[in-house]
Amino acid sequence: MSITPPAASRAAEILSRPVSINGLTVPNRIVMAPMTRMFSPDGVPGEDVVSYYGRRAAAGVGLIVTEGTYVGHDSAGQSDRVPRFHGAEQLEGWAKVAEAVHAGGGKIVPQLWHIGMVRKQGEPPYADAPAVGPSGTATARTGGGGGLGGAAGAAGSRGRSSSQIRTRRRSRSPALSPNRLSAPSRPGSWSHWTPASSGT
């Protein structure tokens, strides 16, 4: 199927229209999806990160969703090169990123990230932090949970003895219903981050 010139022109016109989403006005409908980069030593976004996001905004991306940024929890991540979205030095780096994106005409929002049960104890940035699942349950084991099975197992383990948990995991029966795995969504929960709100 080929796109005819009038159809391509119409698509370009639609994509170039501004859009407002619950108070956030984006200059066009071109959105950059998050991509893990791991270019932030010690979790601090530096000048190369500023340049990376600034170039995308200057090239016409209306809204940028950042790479995953670790939240303020010791068990949130497994790399000291993934940016963090907490701490004075880290937020100062993100303020520079936001300024560059805004100067290029775009908007930016962070992707907040906690890797959950995938984390293996001993990994940076906080080697002593255990893996913690969505229920807040920490594990004493040294290996990570390995994706959904580990997260579901931890979340479903509340109030059970360790032998009951092992039996349940061995039986491969689902620990959670699909409804409990999805985060609740609320209309009107969109927000955006600007340098002025970096302290929150």
Protein backbone atom coordinates (compact mmCIF):
# COMPACT_ATOMS: atom_id res chain seq x y z
CA MET A 1 0.00 0.00 0.00
CA SER A 2 1.47 3.33 -0.98
CA ILE A 3 0.58 6.67 0.53
CA THR A 4 -0.64 9.20 -1.97
CA PRO A 5 0.70 12.77 -1.73
CA PRO A 6 -2.63 14.16 -0.41
CA ALA A 7 -2.77 11.44 2.28
CA ALA A 8 0.84 12.06 3.30
CA SER A 9 0.19 15.78 3.41
CA ARG A 10 -2.89 15.24 5.59
CA ALA A 11 -0.93 12.96 7.96
CA ALA A 12 1.85 15.54 8.27
CA GLU A 13 -0.71 18.26 8.99
CA ILE A 14 -2.36 16.16 11.70
CA LEU A 15 0.98 15.23 13.31
CA SER A 16 2.06 18.87 13.40
CA ARG A 17 -1.00 20.02 15.37
CA PRO A 18 -0.47 20.96 19.03
CA VAL A 19 -2.33 18.89 21.59
CA SER A 20 -3.21 19.54 25.25
CA ILE A 21 -3.36 16.69 27.72
CA ASN A 22 -4.68 17.70 31.12
CA GLY A 23 -2.80 20.99 31.23
CA LEU A 24 0.31 19.89 29.32
CA THR A 25 0.39 21.46 25.86
CA VAL A 26 2.64 19.62 23.43
CA PRO A 27 3.68 21.50 20.26
CA ASN A 28 2.94 18.53 17.98
CA ARG A 29 1.90 14.88 18.12
CA ILE A 30 5.34 13.38 17.64
CA VAL A 31 6.38 11.49 20.77
CA MET A 32 9.71 9.81 21.44
CA ALA A 33 9.33 6.56 23.34
CA PRO A 34 11.73 5.74 26.18
CA MET A 35 14.93 3.88 25.33
CA THR A 36 17.44 2.63 27.90
CA ARG A 37 20.80 4.28 27.27
CA MET A 38 23.00 3.84 30.38
CA PHE A 39 25.11 6.97 29.73
CA SER A 40 24.82 8.53 33.19
CA PRO A 41 27.78 7.53 35.39
CA ASP A 42 26.77 7.37 39.05
CA GLY A 43 23.17 8.04 37.95
CA VAL A 44 23.91 11.66 36.99
CA PRO A 45 22.80 12.85 33.54
CA GLY A 46 25.72 14.81 32.08
CA GLU A 47 26.32 17.00 29.06
CA ASP A 48 26.03 14.09 26.59
CA VAL A 49 22.53 13.35 27.96
CA VAL A 50 21.62 17.05 27.71
CA SER A 51 22.82 17.06 24.10
CA TYR A 52 21.04 13.77 23.24
CA TYR A 53 17.59 14.94 24.35
CA GLY A 54 18.12 18.53 23.19
CA ARG A 55 18.89 17.34 19.63
CA ARG A 56 15.67 15.33 19.49
CA ALA A 57 13.56 18.31 20.58
CA ALA A 58 15.33 20.58 18.10
CA ALA A 59 14.60 18.04 15.34
CA GLY A 60 10.86 18.37 15.98
CA VAL A 61 9.93 15.82 18.65
CA GLY A 62 7.06 17.39 20.58
CA LEU A 63 7.13 15.14 23.65
CA ILE A 64 10.05 13.08 24.92
CA VAL A 65 9.57 10.28 27.42
CA THR A 66 13.01 9.80 28.97
CA GLU A 67 14.89 6.58 29.38
CA GLY A 68 14.08 4.73 32.58
CA THR A 69 15.12 6.75 35.64
CA TYR A 70 15.51 4.95 38.95
CA VAL A 71 13.22 6.13 41.73
CA GLY A 72 14.56 6.92 45.22
CA HIS A 73 14.73 3.36 46.52
CA ASP A 74 17.95 1.38 47.01
CA SER A 75 16.44 -1.69 45.31
CA ALA A 76 15.18 0.24 42.28
CA GLY A 77 17.97 -0.65 39.88
CA GLN A 78 20.88 -2.78 38.84
CA SER A 79 23.26 -0.36 37.12
CA ASP A 80 25.24 2.67 38.22
CA ARG A 81 25.03 4.06 34.67
CA VAL A 82 21.23 4.44 34.55
CA PRO A 83 20.11 7.95 35.55
CA ARG A 84 18.31 8.46 38.83
CA PHE A 85 15.40 10.80 39.42
CA HIS A 86 16.33 11.71 42.99
CA GLY A 87 19.26 13.43 44.64
CA ALA A 88 20.50 17.00 44.21
CA GLU A 89 23.21 16.26 41.64
CA GLN A 90 20.93 14.00 39.58
CA LEU A 91 18.04 16.49 39.56
CA GLU A 92 20.43 19.29 38.62
CA GLY A 93 21.45 17.19 35.60
CA TRP A 94 17.80 16.61 34.66
CA ALA A 95 17.09 20.36 35.01
CA LYS A 96 19.73 20.99 32.33
CA VAL A 97 18.15 18.31 30.14
CA ALA A 98 14.71 19.91 30.54
CA GLU A 99 16.13 23.36 29.72
CA ALA A 100 17.70 22.02 26.51
CA VAL A 101 14.48 20.27 25.48
CA HIS A 102 12.39 23.37 26.21
CA ALA A 103 14.89 25.52 24.26
CA GLY A 104 14.42 23.14 21.32
CA GLY A 105 10.64 23.62 21.49
CA GLY A 106 9.76 20.28 23.08
CA LYS A 107 8.39 18.93 26.34
CA ILE A 108 9.85 16.12 28.43
CA VAL A 109 8.52 13.70 31.06
CA PRO A 110 10.50 11.08 33.00
CA GLN A 111 9.89 7.36 32.86
CA LEU A 112 10.10 6.36 36.53
CA TRP A 113 11.61 2.91 36.99
CA HIS A 114 11.89 0.28 39.70
CA ILE A 115 13.03 -3.05 38.30
CA GLY A 116 11.47 -5.13 41.08
CA MET A 117 12.33 -8.81 41.42
CA VAL A 118 14.66 -8.85 38.41
CA ARG A 119 17.35 -7.29 40.59
CA LYS A 120 20.05 -9.59 41.91
CA GLN A 121 21.60 -8.77 45.26
CA GLY A 122 25.15 -7.50 44.83
CA GLU A 123 24.40 -5.39 41.75
CA PRO A 124 25.11 -1.65 41.69
CA PRO A 125 24.34 1.04 42.54
CA TYR A 126 23.57 -0.35 46.03
CA ALA A 127 25.11 -3.80 46.30
CA ASP A 128 23.55 -4.63 49.69
CA ALA A 129 19.98 -3.86 48.59
CA PRO A 130 17.73 -6.93 48.20
CA ALA A 131 15.28 -7.53 45.37
CA VAL A 132 11.89 -6.04 46.28
CA GLY A 133 8.67 -6.95 44.49
CA PRO A 134 5.49 -4.98 43.88
CA SER A 135 4.03 -5.89 47.27
CA GLY A 136 7.11 -4.49 49.02
CA THR A 137 8.25 -7.99 49.97
CA ALA A 138 12.03 -8.39 49.97
CA THR A 139 13.67 -11.72 49.29
CA ALA A 140 16.57 -13.25 51.17
CA ARG A 141 17.78 -15.15 48.11
CA THR A 142 20.72 -13.84 46.13
CA GLY A 143 19.23 -14.37 42.67
CA GLY A 144 16.67 -12.16 41.02
CA GLY A 145 13.15 -13.28 40.34
CA GLY A 146 13.58 -13.42 36.59
CA GLY A 147 10.73 -11.35 35.25
CA LEU A 148 7.01 -11.71 35.85
CA GLY A 149 7.23 -15.12 37.51
CA GLY A 150 9.51 -13.72 40.21
CA ALA A 151 7.45 -10.58 40.69
CA ALA A 152 4.21 -12.52 40.74
CA GLY A 153 5.70 -15.05 43.14
CA ALA A 154 6.86 -12.39 45.56
CA ALA A 155 3.61 -10.47 45.41
CA GLY A 156 1.62 -13.63 45.94
CA SER A 157 3.77 -14.80 48.85
CA ARG A 158 2.31 -12.56 51.53
CA GLY A 159 1.36 -14.50 54.65
CA ARG A 160 2.77 -17.85 53.46
CA SER A 161 5.60 -19.90 54.88
CA SER A 162 8.72 -20.42 52.78
CA SER A 163 7.74 -24.07 52.14
CA GLN A 164 4.29 -22.97 50.90
CA ILE A 165 5.92 -20.41 48.59
CA ARG A 166 8.31 -23.03 47.15
CA THR A 167 5.42 -25.46 46.61
CA ARG A 168 3.34 -22.80 44.89
CA ARG A 169 6.21 -21.77 42.61
CA ARG A 170 6.99 -25.38 41.74
CA SER A 171 3.36 -26.04 40.82
CA ARG A 172 3.47 -23.15 38.31
CA SER A 173 0.01 -22.01 39.33
CA PRO A 174 -0.43 -18.27 38.87
CA ALA A 175 0.19 -16.31 42.03
CA LEU A 176 -1.75 -13.28 40.85
CA SER A 177 -4.73 -12.66 38.68
CA PRO A 178 -4.09 -10.40 35.66
CA ASN A 179 -6.14 -7.67 37.36
CA ARG A 180 -3.67 -7.44 40.23
CA LEU A 181 -0.68 -7.13 37.88
CA SER A 182 -1.83 -3.95 36.18
CA ALA A 183 -1.44 -0.59 37.83
CA PRO A 184 -4.66 1.33 38.31
CA SER A 185 -5.14 4.14 35.86
CA ARG A 186 -6.92 7.35 36.69
CA PRO A 187 -8.22 9.85 34.20
CA GLY A 188 -6.40 13.13 34.68
CA SER A 189 -3.22 11.61 36.13
CA TRP A 190 -0.93 13.13 33.48
CA SER A 191 1.71 15.49 34.73
CA HIS A 192 4.92 16.98 33.43
CA TRP A 193 8.22 17.84 34.98
CA THR A 194 10.00 21.16 34.68
CA PRO A 195 13.18 22.46 36.32
CA ALA A 196 11.04 24.48 38.73
CA SER A 197 9.62 21.25 40.21
CA SER A 198 12.98 19.47 40.46
CA GLY A 199 12.91 19.52 44.25
CA THR A 200 9.81 17.36 44.46
